Amino acid sequence: MKTITELLPELKELARQDRKANRKWANRIKKRPPRNLDAQVADLHEAAFEEIDCLECANCCKTTSPIIRDKDIDRMARQLRMRPAELVERYLHLDEDDDYVFKSAPCPFLGADNYCSIYEARPRACREYPHTDRKNFHQIVDLSVKNTAVCPAVYRILRQLRTVN
């Protein structure tokens, strides 16, 4: 099996190739989620992250920006010892949905070692990513399909779920 760093260059293409099958599966799951879906996802999440080290990958931090809420801004500003308005001006902008996101990728707080310099104060979306360890997975299945192009663990989890369901 390939390591994360070997898989990353081809992840987007693999996700693109699986997009049609993933969407078809997702539509079926949203209409009629299996009773044990959350348990299946939890087991696959645990297995995936026993093998995948986020610090080796950090593709989410390198390629995408989380939605950053007001509580996140306040928490991050406190950690950085700056005013929330200064944090917004320096690091954030409003996207097309009027959500705050980072101005650029990779994340400005991602170090060369893939560690987050504001880890304890990181945005909620970062804390919860890739969202495969939550209840009611069927509610976020579309987001997970999108995340297959970013996160090797999500790609693996969805690929395995499609074979079981």
Foldseek 3Di string as FASTA:
>chain_A
DDAQVVCLVCQLVVLVVCLVVLVVVLVVCLVPPDPCVLVLLQVLLVVLCVRHDCLVAVLCLAPHWDFADPQLLVLQCVVVVHDSVVCCVPFWDQDPVRTITGPDGNHPQQDPSRDGVSVVSHGPCVVCPPVSNDPPVSVCSVSLSVCSSRDVSSVSSSVVVSVVD
